Amino acid sequence: MTGTALLLTALAGCSKDKETMAGWAKNGSEKHVRAIATDLKTLVAVSDQSTADPTIAPRCTQVLDDVKAAKTFRDPPDKIVNTSWQETLNRVQTAASHCLHNVKAGGGSSLVEAIDAQTSFGDFTSEFEHALSQS
């Protein structure tokens, strides 16, 4: 999650130009990126639990709410970054959806899905930082 700290630092210092990655970062995306970073920690924390925990369903529902909000926010203007961001959101959504499904059986999210989502987020942060350095 070290990449997350670098990304959030870059987000905080960007210009207000809405047509660039810097503008996308500065003008609203930061809260979504932060939420997804937190959600990844949640998905790992509730993964593969073998005991019923009444807090899992609301936590996974919150993750789904965060993904929905991020998906309704405008897309990153860079094509590669956008592809990576959408993949991250889709993987997080899949893990959270399966988490809710697994709650009925007394479990949480799949650790494999949570790790896949984390990997995708890492790719997104790398692509974002590269695109930001090019603008």
Protein backbone atom coordinates (compact mmCIF):
# COMPACT_ATOMS: atom_id res chain seq x y z
CA MET A 1 0.00 0.00 0.00
CA THR A 2 3.07 2.24 -0.22
CA GLY A 3 1.97 3.12 -3.75
CA THR A 4 -1.28 4.41 -2.29
CA ALA A 5 0.54 6.97 -0.17
CA LEU A 6 2.50 8.18 -3.21
CA LEU A 7 -0.64 8.35 -5.29
CA LEU A 8 -2.54 10.32 -2.67
CA THR A 9 0.39 12.72 -2.33
CA ALA A 10 0.33 13.24 -6.10
CA LEU A 11 -3.43 13.72 -6.00
CA ALA A 12 -3.13 16.44 -3.40
CA GLY A 13 -0.60 18.49 -5.37
CA CYS A 14 -2.22 18.53 -8.81
CA SER A 15 -3.58 21.38 -10.90
CA LYS A 16 -7.26 22.23 -11.46
CA ASP A 17 -7.22 21.43 -15.20
CA LYS A 18 -10.12 19.01 -15.66
CA GLU A 19 -8.86 17.77 -19.05
CA THR A 20 -5.68 16.24 -17.60
CA MET A 21 -4.92 13.47 -15.18
CA ALA A 22 -3.88 16.16 -12.71
CA GLY A 23 -7.29 17.77 -13.02
CA TRP A 24 -9.09 14.46 -12.64
CA ALA A 25 -7.03 13.75 -9.55
CA LYS A 26 -7.49 17.14 -7.95
CA ASN A 27 -11.16 17.62 -8.73
CA GLY A 28 -12.91 14.76 -6.99
CA SER A 29 -11.26 11.45 -7.72
CA GLU A 30 -9.12 11.54 -4.58
CA LYS A 31 -12.03 10.61 -2.32
CA HIS A 32 -12.88 7.63 -4.54
CA VAL A 33 -9.28 6.41 -4.71
CA ARG A 34 -8.99 6.70 -0.92
CA ALA A 35 -12.27 4.82 -0.43
CA ILE A 36 -11.18 1.97 -2.70
CA ALA A 37 -7.81 1.75 -0.93
CA THR A 38 -9.67 1.43 2.39
CA ASP A 39 -12.09 -1.06 0.86
CA LEU A 40 -9.21 -3.30 -0.19
CA LYS A 41 -8.11 -3.47 3.44
CA THR A 42 -11.68 -4.35 4.41
CA LEU A 43 -11.88 -7.15 1.84
CA VAL A 44 -8.63 -8.68 3.07
CA ALA A 45 -9.76 -8.36 6.70
CA VAL A 46 -13.02 -10.21 6.08
CA SER A 47 -11.60 -12.79 3.70
CA ASP A 48 -11.97 -16.49 4.26
CA GLN A 49 -13.41 -16.12 7.73
CA SER A 50 -14.77 -19.39 8.98
CA THR A 51 -16.98 -17.96 11.69
CA ALA A 52 -20.12 -15.92 11.31
CA ASP A 53 -19.47 -12.25 11.95
CA PRO A 54 -22.44 -9.87 11.85
CA THR A 55 -20.21 -6.97 10.76
CA ILE A 56 -19.14 -8.58 7.48
CA ALA A 57 -22.30 -7.92 5.46
CA PRO A 58 -22.46 -4.18 6.26
CA ARG A 59 -18.75 -3.80 5.56
CA CYS A 60 -19.06 -5.51 2.18
CA THR A 61 -22.17 -3.46 1.40
CA GLN A 62 -20.14 -0.31 2.09
CA VAL A 63 -17.50 -1.53 -0.36
CA LEU A 64 -20.20 -1.98 -3.02
CA ASP A 65 -21.51 1.53 -2.29
CA ASP A 66 -18.01 2.95 -2.71
CA VAL A 67 -17.53 1.13 -6.01
CA LYS A 68 -20.87 2.44 -7.26
CA ALA A 69 -19.91 6.00 -6.34
CA ALA A 70 -16.52 5.65 -8.03
CA LYS A 71 -18.12 4.25 -11.17
CA THR A 72 -20.54 7.15 -11.41
CA PHE A 73 -17.72 9.70 -11.07
CA ARG A 74 -16.19 10.74 -14.38
CA ASP A 75 -13.60 8.45 -15.90
CA PRO A 76 -9.90 9.27 -15.84
CA PRO A 77 -9.02 11.12 -19.06
CA ASP A 78 -6.07 8.83 -19.82
CA LYS A 79 -7.16 5.68 -21.69
CA ILE A 80 -4.65 3.34 -20.03
CA VAL A 81 -5.35 4.70 -16.55
CA ASN A 82 -9.08 4.45 -17.18
CA THR A 83 -8.77 0.81 -18.24
CA SER A 84 -6.78 0.03 -15.11
CA TRP A 85 -9.21 1.95 -12.88
CA GLN A 86 -12.23 0.16 -14.35
CA GLU A 87 -10.54 -3.21 -13.87
CA THR A 88 -9.80 -2.33 -10.26
CA LEU A 89 -13.39 -1.27 -9.63
CA ASN A 90 -14.72 -4.44 -11.28
CA ARG A 91 -12.45 -6.68 -9.22
CA VAL A 92 -13.36 -4.90 -5.98
CA GLN A 93 -17.04 -5.17 -6.89
CA THR A 94 -16.71 -8.89 -7.60
CA ALA A 95 -14.95 -9.54 -4.29
CA ALA A 96 -17.54 -7.54 -2.35
CA SER A 97 -20.46 -9.22 -4.15
CA HIS A 98 -19.05 -12.64 -3.40
CA CYS A 99 -18.48 -11.52 0.18
CA LEU A 100 -22.19 -10.79 0.58
CA HIS A 101 -23.05 -14.11 -1.02
CA ASN A 102 -20.62 -15.93 1.30
CA VAL A 103 -22.07 -14.28 4.41
CA LYS A 104 -25.02 -16.66 4.16
CA ALA A 105 -22.56 -19.53 4.59
CA GLY A 106 -20.83 -17.81 7.53
CA GLY A 107 -17.82 -16.48 5.60
CA GLY A 108 -16.53 -13.32 4.02
CA SER A 109 -14.77 -12.41 0.81
CA SER A 110 -12.35 -14.64 -1.02
CA LEU A 111 -8.71 -13.91 -0.20
CA VAL A 112 -7.76 -14.67 -3.82
CA GLU A 113 -10.28 -12.10 -5.08
CA ALA A 114 -9.11 -9.54 -2.53
CA ILE A 115 -5.48 -10.05 -3.56
CA ASP A 116 -6.43 -9.82 -7.25
CA ALA A 117 -8.18 -6.53 -6.53
CA GLN A 118 -5.13 -5.27 -4.61
CA THR A 119 -2.86 -6.21 -7.51
CA SER A 120 -5.14 -4.40 -9.92
CA PHE A 121 -5.13 -1.32 -7.66
CA GLY A 122 -1.33 -1.43 -7.60
CA ASP A 123 -1.30 -1.49 -11.40
CA PHE A 124 -3.71 1.46 -11.43
CA THR A 125 -1.49 3.52 -9.11
CA SER A 126 1.55 2.80 -11.29
CA GLU A 127 -0.29 3.76 -14.47
CA PHE A 128 -1.70 6.86 -12.80
CA GLU A 129 1.71 8.02 -11.59
CA HIS A 130 3.19 7.44 -15.05
CA ALA A 131 0.40 9.36 -16.78
CA LEU A 132 0.67 12.16 -14.24
CA SER A 133 4.40 12.49 -14.86
CA GLN A 134 3.71 12.78 -18.60
CA SER A 135 1.25 15.67 -18.20
